[in-house]
Each structure stands twice: as structure tokens, then as C-alpha cells.
Amino acid sequence: MNLISVVIPLYNKASTILTAVASVRAQTYTDWELVVVDDGSTDDGASLVDALNDPRIRCVRQANGGVAAARNAGLSAAHGEWVALLDADDHWRPAHLARLHQLRERFPSAVLCGGAC
């Protein structure tokens, strides 16, 4: 398998971040890492993520710079061959990363892939 880095920008979404993270943890494609970028939140969302104590999940903290800066920080921290973006108030169905990986295998010269949900 090939490592996919999932990047979630987090800003004051303590009420939804665990659902987003749970949807990543439930993926049928299991070769992933998760980088959550706390973009200067004033709630305890990052602490909730840290409390999961999952070695596949890292929480990067930075001063508030906006969602683009948070995504860029996540991209810089990512180790995967591919990156998948997820928002802190969204979630994926369990086969999402598997389907993206299938697209990648089917179209090896592609530099971007996506789905419509």
C-alpha cells in the first residue's frame, strides 16, 4: 500500500472534530496518517484529538492564519505519497480512501483525483 496523509484544518470545531477523525479511523484503506492542524482554536478541539492517543494521528498547532495556512501547514507536515483533505465538520464513508486509491491505481499518471458525494 501507499501512505495517504489526511489533513484536517481545525479552528473552533470541538463539537465536530471527533466525528471527522472517527471517519478517518474507520477507513477500509488502512495505510494512512492524519495531520490535524489546530489553527489557533480557542476551544478544546486539539486536546480532544490528542486524548485519542493514536500514533497515526498528529496534531500540529499554530497561531490563527486561516484555513489555507492551516492546510499548507498540514501539507508541510505530511509524510504520505498522496494527500487527502477533510474539513473538521465533515466526515467520510468508510471506503472513501480505498476508492481514491483505486482511482490512483487506474490512472497512475494523474496528479489529482476526487469524488462526488
PDB file of N, CA and C in Angstrom:
ATOM      1  N   MET A   1       0.832  -1.180   0.000  1.00  0.00           N
ATOM      2  CA  MET A   1       0.000   0.000   0.000  1.00  0.00           C
ATOM      3  C   MET A   1       0.877   1.244   0.000  1.00  0.00           C
ATOM      4  N   ASN A   2       0.262   2.363  -0.266  1.00  0.00           N
ATOM      5  CA  ASN A   2       0.957   3.649  -0.271  1.00  0.00           C
ATOM      6  C   ASN A   2       0.317   4.564   0.766  1.00  0.00           C
ATOM      7  N   LEU A   3       1.162   5.193   1.564  1.00  0.00           N
ATOM      8  CA  LEU A   3       0.674   6.056   2.626  1.00  0.00           C
ATOM      9  C   LEU A   3      -0.082   7.249   2.058  1.00  0.00           C
ATOM     10  N   ILE A   4      -1.280   7.459   2.588  1.00  0.00           N
ATOM     11  CA  ILE A   4      -2.068   8.645   2.278  1.00  0.00           C
ATOM     12  C   ILE A   4      -2.093   9.499   3.531  1.00  0.00           C
ATOM     13  N   SER A   5      -1.718  10.749   3.400  1.00  0.00           N
ATOM     14  CA  SER A   5      -1.800  11.695   4.506  1.00  0.00           C
ATOM     15  C   SER A   5      -3.135  12.411   4.432  1.00  0.00           C
ATOM     16  N   VAL A   6      -3.860  12.388   5.512  1.00  0.00           N
ATOM     17  CA  VAL A   6      -5.120  13.115   5.615  1.00  0.00           C
ATOM     18  C   VAL A   6      -4.840  14.377   6.421  1.00  0.00           C
ATOM     19  N   VAL A   7      -5.255  15.513   5.893  1.00  0.00           N
ATOM     20  CA  VAL A   7      -5.037  16.794   6.560  1.00  0.00           C
ATOM     21  C   VAL A   7      -6.390  17.406   6.912  1.00  0.00           C
ATOM     22  N   ILE A   8      -6.547  17.727   8.194  1.00  0.00           N
ATOM     23  CA  ILE A   8      -7.755  18.380   8.679  1.00  0.00           C
ATOM     24  C   ILE A   8      -7.367  19.702   9.331  1.00  0.00           C
ATOM     25  N   PRO A   9      -7.760  20.834   8.751  1.00  0.00           N
ATOM     26  CA  PRO A   9      -7.586  22.109   9.451  1.00  0.00           C
ATOM     27  C   PRO A   9      -8.647  22.224  10.542  1.00  0.00           C
ATOM     28  N   LEU A  10      -8.226  22.691  11.708  1.00  0.00           N
ATOM     29  CA  LEU A  10      -9.135  22.753  12.857  1.00  0.00           C
ATOM     30  C   LEU A  10      -9.150  24.155  13.432  1.00  0.00           C
ATOM     31  N   TYR A  11     -10.320  24.758  13.442  1.00  0.00           N
ATOM     32  CA  TYR A  11     -10.489  26.044  14.110  1.00  0.00           C
ATOM     33  C   TYR A  11     -11.858  26.059  14.781  1.00  0.00           C
ATOM     34  N   ASN A  12     -11.856  25.979  16.101  1.00  0.00           N
ATOM     35  CA  ASN A  12     -13.071  26.044  16.916  1.00  0.00           C
ATOM     36  C   ASN A  12     -14.168  25.084  16.448  1.00  0.00           C
ATOM     37  N   LYS A  13     -13.777  23.844  16.247  1.00  0.00           N
ATOM     38  CA  LYS A  13     -14.728  22.800  15.857  1.00  0.00           C
ATOM     39  C   LYS A  13     -14.687  21.631  16.837  1.00  0.00           C
ATOM     40  N   ALA A  14     -14.550  21.933  18.117  1.00  0.00           N
ATOM     41  CA  ALA A  14     -14.508  20.872  19.129  1.00  0.00           C
ATOM     42  C   ALA A  14     -15.753  19.989  19.066  1.00  0.00           C
ATOM     43  N   SER A  15     -16.874  20.567  18.673  1.00  0.00           N
ATOM     44  CA  SER A  15     -18.128  19.803  18.651  1.00  0.00           C
ATOM     45  C   SER A  15     -18.203  18.796  17.502  1.00  0.00           C
ATOM     46  N   THR A  16     -17.339  18.934  16.499  1.00  0.00           N
ATOM     47  CA  THR A  16     -17.431  18.039  15.336  1.00  0.00           C
ATOM     48  C   THR A  16     -16.132  17.309  15.000  1.00  0.00           C
ATOM     49  N   ILE A  17     -15.003  17.713  15.577  1.00  0.00           N
ATOM     50  CA  ILE A  17     -13.723  17.137  15.162  1.00  0.00           C
ATOM     51  C   ILE A  17     -13.642  15.634  15.418  1.00  0.00           C
ATOM     52  N   LEU A  18     -14.197  15.153  16.496  1.00  0.00           N
ATOM     53  CA  LEU A  18     -14.093  13.715  16.772  1.00  0.00           C
ATOM     54  C   LEU A  18     -14.871  12.884  15.756  1.00  0.00           C
ATOM     55  N   THR A  19     -15.959  13.418  15.226  1.00  0.00           N
ATOM     56  CA  THR A  19     -16.691  12.706  14.167  1.00  0.00           C
ATOM     57  C   THR A  19     -15.854  12.635  12.901  1.00  0.00           C
ATOM     58  N   ALA A  20     -15.201  13.731  12.551  1.00  0.00           N
ATOM     59  CA  ALA A  20     -14.322  13.736  11.371  1.00  0.00           C
ATOM     60  C   ALA A  20     -13.180  12.746  11.551  1.00  0.00           C
ATOM     61  N   VAL A  21     -12.538  12.777  12.713  1.00  0.00           N
ATOM     62  CA  VAL A  21     -11.424  11.862  12.982  1.00  0.00           C
ATOM     63  C   VAL A  21     -11.910  10.411  12.984  1.00  0.00           C
ATOM     64  N   ALA A  22     -13.054  10.150  13.574  1.00  0.00           N
ATOM     65  CA  ALA A  22     -13.597   8.791  13.595  1.00  0.00           C
ATOM     66  C   ALA A  22     -13.833   8.268  12.186  1.00  0.00           C
ATOM     67  N   SER A  23     -14.235   9.150  11.278  1.00  0.00           N
ATOM     68  CA  SER A  23     -14.467   8.698   9.899  1.00  0.00           C
ATOM     69  C   SER A  23     -13.161   8.332   9.211  1.00  0.00           C
ATOM     70  N   VAL A  24     -12.064   8.962   9.594  1.00  0.00           N
ATOM     71  CA  VAL A  24     -10.757   8.576   9.053  1.00  0.00           C
ATOM     72  C   VAL A  24     -10.330   7.249   9.671  1.00  0.00           C
ATOM     73  N   ARG A  25     -10.492   7.105  10.958  1.00  0.00           N
ATOM     74  CA  ARG A  25     -10.102   5.872  11.637  1.00  0.00           C
ATOM     75  C   ARG A  25     -10.904   4.667  11.155  1.00  0.00           C
ATOM     76  N   ALA A  26     -12.092   4.894  10.613  1.00  0.00           N
ATOM     77  CA  ALA A  26     -12.957   3.810  10.146  1.00  0.00           C
ATOM     78  C   ALA A  26     -12.703   3.417   8.693  1.00  0.00           C
ATOM     79  N   GLN A  27     -11.721   4.016   8.055  1.00  0.00           N
ATOM     80  CA  GLN A  27     -11.467   3.728   6.645  1.00  0.00           C
ATOM     81  C   GLN A  27     -11.052   2.272   6.425  1.00  0.00           C
ATOM     82  N   THR A  28     -11.552   1.700   5.331  1.00  0.00           N
ATOM     83  CA  THR A  28     -11.159   0.340   4.969  1.00  0.00           C
ATOM     84  C   THR A  28      -9.743   0.311   4.396  1.00  0.00           C
ATOM     85  N   TYR A  29      -9.296   1.407   3.821  1.00  0.00           N
ATOM     86  CA  TYR A  29      -7.905   1.565   3.393  1.00  0.00           C
ATOM     87  C   TYR A  29      -7.141   2.007   4.637  1.00  0.00           C
ATOM     88  N   THR A  30      -6.179   1.226   5.064  1.00  0.00           N
ATOM     89  CA  THR A  30      -5.597   1.431   6.385  1.00  0.00           C
ATOM     90  C   THR A  30      -4.207   2.062   6.388  1.00  0.00           C
ATOM     91  N   ASP A  31      -3.618   2.311   5.241  1.00  0.00           N
ATOM     92  CA  ASP A  31      -2.273   2.898   5.203  1.00  0.00           C
ATOM     93  C   ASP A  31      -2.397   4.421   5.115  1.00  0.00           C
ATOM     94  N   TRP A  32      -2.692   5.038   6.257  1.00  0.00           N
ATOM     95  CA  TRP A  32      -2.892   6.484   6.304  1.00  0.00           C
ATOM     96  C   TRP A  32      -2.266   7.045   7.574  1.00  0.00           C
ATOM     97  N   GLU A  33      -2.025   8.332   7.520  1.00  0.00           N
ATOM     98  CA  GLU A  33      -1.698   9.117   8.703  1.00  0.00           C
ATOM     99  C   GLU A  33      -2.646  10.303   8.703  1.00  0.00           C
ATOM    100  N   LEU A  34      -2.886  10.857   9.868  1.00  0.00           N
ATOM    101  CA  LEU A  34      -3.781  12.006   9.982  1.00  0.00           C
ATOM    102  C   LEU A  34      -3.025  13.154  10.628  1.00  0.00           C
ATOM    103  N   VAL A  35      -3.024  14.293   9.958  1.00  0.00           N
ATOM    104  CA  VAL A  35      -2.427  15.509  10.494  1.00  0.00           C
ATOM    105  C   VAL A  35      -3.558  16.505  10.717  1.00  0.00           C
ATOM    106  N   VAL A  36      -3.831  16.796  11.979  1.00  0.00           N
ATOM    107  CA  VAL A  36      -4.823  17.799  12.348  1.00  0.00           C
ATOM    108  C   VAL A  36      -4.052  19.072  12.669  1.00  0.00           C
ATOM    109  N   VAL A  37      -4.410  20.167  12.013  1.00  0.00           N
ATOM    110  CA  VAL A  37      -3.717  21.436  12.236  1.00  0.00           C
ATOM    111  C   VAL A  37      -4.639  22.360  13.018  1.00  0.00           C
ATOM    112  N   ASP A  38      -4.295  22.549  14.287  1.00  0.00           N
ATOM    113  CA  ASP A  38      -5.056  23.470  15.140  1.00  0.00           C
ATOM    114  C   ASP A  38      -4.612  24.885  14.794  1.00  0.00           C
ATOM    115  N   ASP A  39      -5.501  25.611  14.153  1.00  0.00           N
ATOM    116  CA  ASP A  39      -5.198  26.950  13.646  1.00  0.00           C
ATOM    117  C   ASP A  39      -5.588  28.024  14.668  1.00  0.00           C
ATOM    118  N   GLY A  40      -5.016  27.917  15.870  1.00  0.00           N
ATOM    119  CA  GLY A  40      -5.270  28.919  16.893  1.00  0.00           C
ATOM    120  C   GLY A  40      -6.646  28.842  17.517  1.00  0.00           C
ATOM    121  N   SER A  41      -7.203  27.650  17.608  1.00  0.00           N
ATOM    122  CA  SER A  41      -8.540  27.489  18.195  1.00  0.00           C
ATOM    123  C   SER A  41      -8.576  27.995  19.633  1.00  0.00           C
ATOM    124  N   THR A  42      -9.756  28.424  20.030  1.00  0.00           N
ATOM    125  CA  THR A  42      -9.953  28.855  21.408  1.00  0.00           C
ATOM    126  C   THR A  42     -10.820  27.869  22.188  1.00  0.00           C
ATOM    127  N   ASP A  43     -11.180  26.754  21.551  1.00  0.00           N
ATOM    128  CA  ASP A  43     -11.907  25.698  22.254  1.00  0.00           C
ATOM    129  C   ASP A  43     -10.940  24.530  22.495  1.00  0.00           C
ATOM    130  N   ASP A  44     -11.427  23.400  22.916  1.00  0.00           N
ATOM    131  CA  ASP A  44     -10.539  22.293  23.274  1.00  0.00           C
ATOM    132  C   ASP A  44     -10.472  21.196  22.213  1.00  0.00           C
ATOM    133  N   GLY A  45     -10.717  21.534  20.957  1.00  0.00           N
ATOM    134  CA  GLY A  45     -10.703  20.544  19.887  1.00  0.00           C
ATOM    135  C   GLY A  45      -9.390  19.794  19.766  1.00  0.00           C
ATOM    136  N   ALA A  46      -8.277  20.498  19.831  1.00  0.00           N
ATOM    137  CA  ALA A  46      -6.966  19.851  19.707  1.00  0.00           C
ATOM    138  C   ALA A  46      -6.723  18.903  20.867  1.00  0.00           C
ATOM    139  N   SER A  47      -7.156  19.266  22.052  1.00  0.00           N
ATOM    140  CA  SER A  47      -6.998  18.387  23.219  1.00  0.00           C
ATOM    141  C   SER A  47      -7.812  17.110  23.060  1.00  0.00           C
ATOM    142  N   LEU A  48      -8.973  17.224  22.453  1.00  0.00           N
ATOM    143  CA  LEU A  48      -9.791  16.035  22.192  1.00  0.00           C
ATOM    144  C   LEU A  48      -9.071  15.084  21.248  1.00  0.00           C
ATOM    145  N   VAL A  49      -8.428  15.633  20.235  1.00  0.00           N
ATOM    146  CA  VAL A  49      -7.673  14.814  19.283  1.00  0.00           C
ATOM    147  C   VAL A  49      -6.478  14.172  19.976  1.00  0.00           C
ATOM    148  N   ASP A  50      -5.733  14.955  20.755  1.00  0.00           N
ATOM    149  CA  ASP A  50      -4.579  14.423  21.484  1.00  0.00           C
ATOM    150  C   ASP A  50      -4.981  13.288  22.417  1.00  0.00           C
ATOM    151  N   ALA A  51      -6.152  13.397  23.037  1.00  0.00           N
ATOM    152  CA  ALA A  51      -6.606  12.395  24.001  1.00  0.00           C
ATOM    153  C   ALA A  51      -6.872  11.038  23.367  1.00  0.00           C
ATOM    154  N   LEU A  52      -7.015  11.000  22.049  1.00  0.00           N
ATOM    155  CA  LEU A  52      -7.223   9.719  21.366  1.00  0.00           C
ATOM    156  C   LEU A  52      -5.986   8.837  21.460  1.00  0.00           C
ATOM    157  N   ASN A  53      -4.829   9.467  21.619  1.00  0.00           N
ATOM    158  CA  ASN A  53      -3.571   8.729  21.799  1.00  0.00           C
ATOM    159  C   ASN A  53      -3.370   7.667  20.723  1.00  0.00           C
ATOM    160  N   ASP A  54      -3.560   8.064  19.475  1.00  0.00           N
ATOM    161  CA  ASP A  54      -3.402   7.173  18.323  1.00  0.00           C
ATOM    162  C   ASP A  54      -2.111   7.560  17.606  1.00  0.00           C
ATOM    163  N   PRO A  55      -1.152   6.649  17.481  1.00  0.00           N
ATOM    164  CA  PRO A  55       0.136   7.004  16.871  1.00  0.00           C
ATOM    165  C   PRO A  55       0.040   7.414  15.395  1.00  0.00           C
ATOM    166  N   ARG A  56      -1.080   7.124  14.757  1.00  0.00           N
ATOM    167  CA  ARG A  56      -1.261   7.524  13.352  1.00  0.00           C
ATOM    168  C   ARG A  56      -1.729   8.961  13.229  1.00  0.00           C
ATOM    169  N   ILE A  57      -2.049   9.591  14.364  1.00  0.00           N
ATOM    170  CA  ILE A  57      -2.642  10.928  14.363  1.00  0.00           C
ATOM    171  C   ILE A  57      -1.687  11.901  15.048  1.00  0.00           C
ATOM    172  N   ARG A  58      -1.396  13.008  14.341  1.00  0.00           N
ATOM    173  CA  ARG A  58      -0.569  14.072  14.905  1.00  0.00           C
ATOM    174  C   ARG A  58      -1.369  15.360  14.896  1.00  0.00           C
ATOM    175  N   CYS A  59      -1.178  16.155  15.924  1.00  0.00           N
ATOM    176  CA  CYS A  59      -1.825  17.457  15.995  1.00  0.00           C
ATOM    177  C   CYS A  59      -0.733  18.522  15.964  1.00  0.00           C
ATOM    178  N   VAL A  60      -0.778  19.357  14.952  1.00  0.00           N
ATOM    179  CA  VAL A  60       0.162  20.461  14.783  1.00  0.00           C
ATOM    180  C   VAL A  60      -0.571  21.722  15.221  1.00  0.00           C
ATOM    181  N   ARG A  61       0.106  22.550  15.999  1.00  0.00           N
ATOM    182  CA  ARG A  61      -0.528  23.782  16.472  1.00  0.00           C
ATOM    183  C   ARG A  61       0.171  24.997  15.877  1.00  0.00           C
ATOM    184  N   GLN A  62      -0.632  25.996  15.535  1.00  0.00           N
ATOM    185  CA  GLN A  62      -0.086  27.248  15.010  1.00  0.00           C
ATOM    186  C   GLN A  62      -1.020  28.393  15.386  1.00  0.00           C
ATOM    187  N   ALA A  63      -0.489  29.601  15.306  1.00  0.00           N
ATOM    188  CA  ALA A  63      -1.325  30.789  15.503  1.00  0.00           C
ATOM    189  C   ALA A  63      -2.323  30.867  14.360  1.00  0.00           C
ATOM    190  N   ASN A  64      -3.475  31.470  14.634  1.00  0.00           N
ATOM    191  CA  ASN A  64      -4.509  31.556  13.620  1.00  0.00           C
ATOM    192  C   ASN A  64      -4.014  32.282  12.377  1.00  0.00           C
ATOM    193  N   GLY A  65      -4.124  31.594  11.249  1.00  0.00           N
ATOM    194  CA  GLY A  65      -3.715  32.165   9.970  1.00  0.00           C
ATOM    195  C   GLY A  65      -4.741  31.928   8.884  1.00  0.00           C
ATOM    196  N   GLY A  66      -5.817  31.230   9.233  1.00  0.00           N
ATOM    197  CA  GLY A  66      -6.853  30.928   8.255  1.00  0.00           C
ATOM    198  C   GLY A  66      -6.725  29.519   7.716  1.00  0.00           C
ATOM    199  N   VAL A  67      -7.786  29.079   7.060  1.00  0.00           N
ATOM    200  CA  VAL A  67      -7.862  27.687   6.608  1.00  0.00           C
ATOM    201  C   VAL A  67      -6.780  27.344   5.585  1.00  0.00           C
ATOM    202  N   ALA A  68      -6.448  28.262   4.698  1.00  0.00           N
ATOM    203  CA  ALA A  68      -5.409  27.971   3.699  1.00  0.00           C
ATOM    204  C   ALA A  68      -4.058  27.779   4.377  1.00  0.00           C
ATOM    205  N   ALA A  69      -3.741  28.628   5.339  1.00  0.00           N
ATOM    206  CA  ALA A  69      -2.477  28.479   6.071  1.00  0.00           C
ATOM    207  C   ALA A  69      -2.457  27.163   6.841  1.00  0.00           C
ATOM    208  N   ALA A  70      -3.580  26.785   7.406  1.00  0.00           N
ATOM    209  CA  ALA A  70      -3.648  25.525   8.141  1.00  0.00           C
ATOM    210  C   ALA A  70      -3.457  24.336   7.193  1.00  0.00           C
ATOM    211  N   ARG A  71      -4.096  24.368   6.046  1.00  0.00           N
ATOM    212  CA  ARG A  71      -3.902  23.282   5.074  1.00  0.00           C
ATOM    213  C   ARG A  71      -2.446  23.224   4.624  1.00  0.00           C
ATOM    214  N   ASN A  72      -1.850  24.376   4.360  1.00  0.00           N
ATOM    215  CA  ASN A  72      -0.445  24.399   3.944  1.00  0.00           C
ATOM    216  C   ASN A  72       0.465  23.842   5.031  1.00  0.00           C
ATOM    217  N   ALA A  73       0.186  24.155   6.286  1.00  0.00           N
ATOM    218  CA  ALA A  73       0.973  23.593   7.393  1.00  0.00           C
ATOM    219  C   ALA A  73       0.806  22.077   7.436  1.00  0.00           C
ATOM    220  N   GLY A  74      -0.398  21.613   7.200  1.00  0.00           N
ATOM    221  CA  GLY A  74      -0.645  20.171   7.152  1.00  0.00           C
ATOM    222  C   GLY A  74       0.099  19.504   6.015  1.00  0.00           C
ATOM    223  N   LEU A  75       0.109  20.150   4.865  1.00  0.00           N
ATOM    224  CA  LEU A  75       0.854  19.602   3.724  1.00  0.00           C
ATOM    225  C   LEU A  75       2.343  19.525   4.046  1.00  0.00           C
ATOM    226  N   SER A  76       2.867  20.540   4.717  1.00  0.00           N
ATOM    227  CA  SER A  76       4.285  20.540   5.089  1.00  0.00           C
ATOM    228  C   SER A  76       4.612  19.430   6.081  1.00  0.00           C
ATOM    229  N   ALA A  77       3.672  19.108   6.953  1.00  0.00           N
ATOM    230  CA  ALA A  77       3.902  18.084   7.972  1.00  0.00           C
ATOM    231  C   ALA A  77       3.619  16.670   7.466  1.00  0.00           C
ATOM    232  N   ALA A  78       2.966  16.551   6.321  1.00  0.00           N
ATOM    233  CA  ALA A  78       2.549  15.244   5.804  1.00  0.00           C
ATOM    234  C   ALA A  78       3.740  14.440   5.292  1.00  0.00           C
ATOM    235  N   HIS A  79       3.656  13.122   5.493  1.00  0.00           N
ATOM    236  CA  HIS A  79       4.693  12.203   5.018  1.00  0.00           C
ATOM    237  C   HIS A  79       4.207  11.323   3.868  1.00  0.00           C
ATOM    238  N   GLY A  80       2.938  11.371   3.553  1.00  0.00           N
ATOM    239  CA  GLY A  80       2.363  10.469   2.569  1.00  0.00           C
ATOM    240  C   GLY A  80       2.734  10.811   1.142  1.00  0.00           C
ATOM    241  N   GLU A  81       2.555   9.811   0.299  1.00  0.00           N
ATOM    242  CA  GLU A  81       2.769   9.999  -1.139  1.00  0.00           C
ATOM    243  C   GLU A  81       1.622  10.810  -1.741  1.00  0.00           C
ATOM    244  N   TRP A  82       0.444  10.670  -1.157  1.00  0.00           N
ATOM    245  CA  TRP A  82      -0.740  11.407  -1.567  1.00  0.00           C
ATOM    246  C   TRP A  82      -1.329  12.092  -0.352  1.00  0.00           C
ATOM    247  N   VAL A  83      -2.088  13.158  -0.577  1.00  0.00           N
ATOM    248  CA  VAL A  83      -2.743  13.893   0.498  1.00  0.00           C
ATOM    249  C   VAL A  83      -4.237  13.970   0.205  1.00  0.00           C
ATOM    250  N   ALA A  84      -5.035  13.734   1.233  1.00  0.00           N
ATOM    251  CA  ALA A  84      -6.485  13.877   1.131  1.00  0.00           C
ATOM    252  C   ALA A  84      -6.910  14.929   2.152  1.00  0.00           C
ATOM    253  N   LEU A  85      -7.745  15.841   1.729  1.00  0.00           N
ATOM    254  CA  LEU A  85      -8.189  16.939   2.592  1.00  0.00           C
ATOM    255  C   LEU A  85      -9.589  16.665   3.122  1.00  0.00           C
ATOM    256  N   LEU A  86      -9.763  16.917   4.407  1.00  0.00           N
ATOM    257  CA  LEU A  86     -11.062  16.753   5.056  1.00  0.00           C
ATOM    258  C   LEU A  86     -11.257  17.932   5.995  1.00  0.00           C
ATOM    259  N   ASP A  87     -12.447  18.478   6.039  1.00  0.00           N
ATOM    260  CA  ASP A  87     -12.738  19.577   6.963  1.00  0.00           C
ATOM    261  C   ASP A  87     -13.163  19.015   8.321  1.00  0.00           C
ATOM    262  N   ALA A  88     -12.964  19.795   9.357  1.00  0.00           N
ATOM    263  CA  ALA A  88     -13.229  19.356  10.731  1.00  0.00           C
ATOM    264  C   ALA A  88     -14.704  19.157  11.026  1.00  0.00           C
ATOM    265  N   ASP A  89     -15.577  19.652  10.161  1.00  0.00           N
ATOM    266  CA  ASP A  89     -17.011  19.461  10.373  1.00  0.00           C
ATOM    267  C   ASP A  89     -17.626  18.551   9.314  1.00  0.00           C
ATOM    268  N   ASP A  90     -16.783  17.746   8.650  1.00  0.00           N
ATOM    269  CA  ASP A  90     -17.244  16.781   7.650  1.00  0.00           C
ATOM    270  C   ASP A  90     -16.838  15.378   8.072  1.00  0.00           C
ATOM    271  N   HIS A  91     -17.283  14.390   7.318  1.00  0.00           N
ATOM    272  CA  HIS A  91     -16.861  13.014   7.563  1.00  0.00           C
ATOM    273  C   HIS A  91     -16.922  12.237   6.254  1.00  0.00           C
ATOM    274  N   TRP A  92     -16.205  11.140   6.221  1.00  0.00           N
ATOM    275  CA  TRP A  92     -16.155  10.275   5.047  1.00  0.00           C
ATOM    276  C   TRP A  92     -16.867   8.961   5.321  1.00  0.00           C
ATOM    277  N   ARG A  93     -17.356   8.350   4.252  1.00  0.00           N
ATOM    278  CA  ARG A  93     -17.831   6.980   4.333  1.00  0.00           C
ATOM    279  C   ARG A  93     -16.608   6.071   4.410  1.00  0.00           C
ATOM    280  N   PRO A  94     -16.756   4.876   4.957  1.00  0.00           N
ATOM    281  CA  PRO A  94     -15.592   4.025   5.219  1.00  0.00           C
ATOM    282  C   PRO A  94     -14.732   3.651   4.005  1.00  0.00           C
ATOM    283  N   ALA A  95     -15.277   3.644   2.820  1.00  0.00           N
ATOM    284  CA  ALA A  95     -14.499   3.238   1.647  1.00  0.00           C
ATOM    285  C   ALA A  95     -13.909   4.421   0.877  1.00  0.00           C
ATOM    286  N   HIS A  96     -13.984   5.624   1.418  1.00  0.00           N
ATOM    287  CA  HIS A  96     -13.540   6.810   0.678  1.00  0.00           C
ATOM    288  C   HIS A  96     -12.080   6.712   0.230  1.00  0.00           C
ATOM    289  N   LEU A  97     -11.169   6.464   1.154  1.00  0.00           N
ATOM    290  CA  LEU A  97      -9.754   6.394   0.775  1.00  0.00           C
ATOM    291  C   LEU A  97      -9.475   5.199  -0.132  1.00  0.00           C
ATOM    292  N   ALA A  98     -10.168   4.104   0.070  1.00  0.00           N
ATOM    293  CA  ALA A  98      -9.992   2.932  -0.805  1.00  0.00           C
ATOM    294  C   ALA A  98     -10.383   3.277  -2.235  1.00  0.00           C
ATOM    295  N   ARG A  99     -11.451   4.012  -2.398  1.00  0.00           N
ATOM    296  CA  ARG A  99     -11.882   4.398  -3.744  1.00  0.00           C
ATOM    297  C   ARG A  99     -10.896   5.376  -4.385  1.00  0.00           C
ATOM    298  N   LEU A 100     -10.376   6.312  -3.592  1.00  0.00           N
ATOM    299  CA  LEU A 100      -9.361   7.219  -4.135  1.00  0.00           C
ATOM    300  C   LEU A 100      -8.109   6.441  -4.528  1.00  0.00           C
ATOM    301  N   HIS A 101      -7.748   5.451  -3.717  1.00  0.00           N
ATOM    302  CA  HIS A 101      -6.577   4.622  -4.054  1.00  0.00           C
ATOM    303  C   HIS A 101      -6.835   3.831  -5.341  1.00  0.00           C
ATOM    304  N   GLN A 102      -8.034   3.330  -5.516  1.00  0.00           N
ATOM    305  CA  GLN A 102      -8.371   2.616  -6.754  1.00  0.00           C
ATOM    306  C   GLN A 102      -8.249   3.538  -7.964  1.00  0.00           C
ATOM    307  N   LEU A 103      -8.700   4.780  -7.832  1.00  0.00           N
ATOM    308  CA  LEU A 103      -8.550   5.745  -8.922  1.00  0.00           C
ATOM    309  C   LEU A 103      -7.076   5.974  -9.241  1.00  0.00           C
ATOM    310  N   ARG A 104      -6.290   6.081  -8.209  1.00  0.00           N
ATOM    311  CA  ARG A 104      -4.854   6.291  -8.390  1.00  0.00           C
ATOM    312  C   ARG A 104      -4.220   5.111  -9.127  1.00  0.00           C
ATOM    313  N   GLU A 105      -4.622   3.910  -8.779  1.00  0.00           N
ATOM    314  CA  GLU A 105      -4.097   2.711  -9.450  1.00  0.00           C
ATOM    315  C   GLU A 105      -4.559   2.662 -10.909  1.00  0.00           C
ATOM    316  N   ARG A 106      -5.776   3.062 -11.141  1.00  0.00           N
ATOM    317  CA  ARG A 106      -6.335   3.015 -12.500  1.00  0.00           C
ATOM    318  C   ARG A 106      -5.738   4.087 -13.405  1.00  0.00           C
ATOM    319  N   PHE A 107      -5.407   5.241 -12.821  1.00  0.00           N
ATOM    320  CA  PHE A 107      -4.856   6.370 -13.572  1.00  0.00           C
ATOM    321  C   PHE A 107      -3.528   6.806 -12.949  1.00  0.00           C
ATOM    322  N   PRO A 108      -2.475   6.029 -13.148  1.00  0.00           N
ATOM    323  CA  PRO A 108      -1.216   6.279 -12.432  1.00  0.00           C
ATOM    324  C   PRO A 108      -0.540   7.616 -12.790  1.00  0.00           C
ATOM    325  N   SER A 109      -0.879   8.204 -13.911  1.00  0.00           N
ATOM    326  CA  SER A 109      -0.238   9.480 -14.259  1.00  0.00           C
ATOM    327  C   SER A 109      -1.019  10.690 -13.717  1.00  0.00           C
ATOM    328  N   ALA A 110      -2.155  10.435 -13.070  1.00  0.00           N
ATOM    329  CA  ALA A 110      -2.962  11.528 -12.517  1.00  0.00           C
ATOM    330  C   ALA A 110      -2.222  12.173 -11.358  1.00  0.00           C
ATOM    331  N   VAL A 111      -2.386  13.476 -11.234  1.00  0.00           N
ATOM    332  CA  VAL A 111      -1.798  14.194 -10.112  1.00  0.00           C
ATOM    333  C   VAL A 111      -2.856  14.653  -9.115  1.00  0.00           C
ATOM    334  N   LEU A 112      -4.137  14.454  -9.467  1.00  0.00           N
ATOM    335  CA  LEU A 112      -5.243  14.850  -8.613  1.00  0.00           C
ATOM    336  C   LEU A 112      -6.420  13.923  -8.895  1.00  0.00           C
ATOM    337  N   CYS A 113      -7.110  13.524  -7.855  1.00  0.00           N
ATOM    338  CA  CYS A 113      -8.338  12.749  -8.054  1.00  0.00           C
ATOM    339  C   CYS A 113      -9.333  13.167  -6.991  1.00  0.00           C
ATOM    340  N   GLY A 114     -10.584  12.892  -7.231  1.00  0.00           N
ATOM    341  CA  GLY A 114     -11.629  13.275  -6.296  1.00  0.00           C
ATOM    342  C   GLY A 114     -12.889  12.499  -6.559  1.00  0.00           C
ATOM    343  N   GLY A 115     -13.857  12.722  -5.722  1.00  0.00           N
ATOM    344  CA  GLY A 115     -15.130  12.060  -5.864  1.00  0.00           C
ATOM    345  C   GLY A 115     -16.257  13.022  -5.570  1.00  0.00           C
ATOM    346  N   ALA A 116     -17.438  12.639  -5.966  1.00  0.00           N
ATOM    347  CA  ALA A 116     -18.620  13.467  -5.708  1.00  0.00           C
ATOM    348  C   ALA A 116     -19.493  12.759  -4.691  1.00  0.00           C
ATOM    349  N   CYS A 117     -19.699  13.371  -3.557  1.00  0.00           N
ATOM    350  CA  CYS A 117     -20.542  12.778  -2.511  1.00  0.00           C
ATOM    351  C   CYS A 117     -21.585  13.791  -2.105  1.00  0.00           C
TER     352      CYS A 117
END
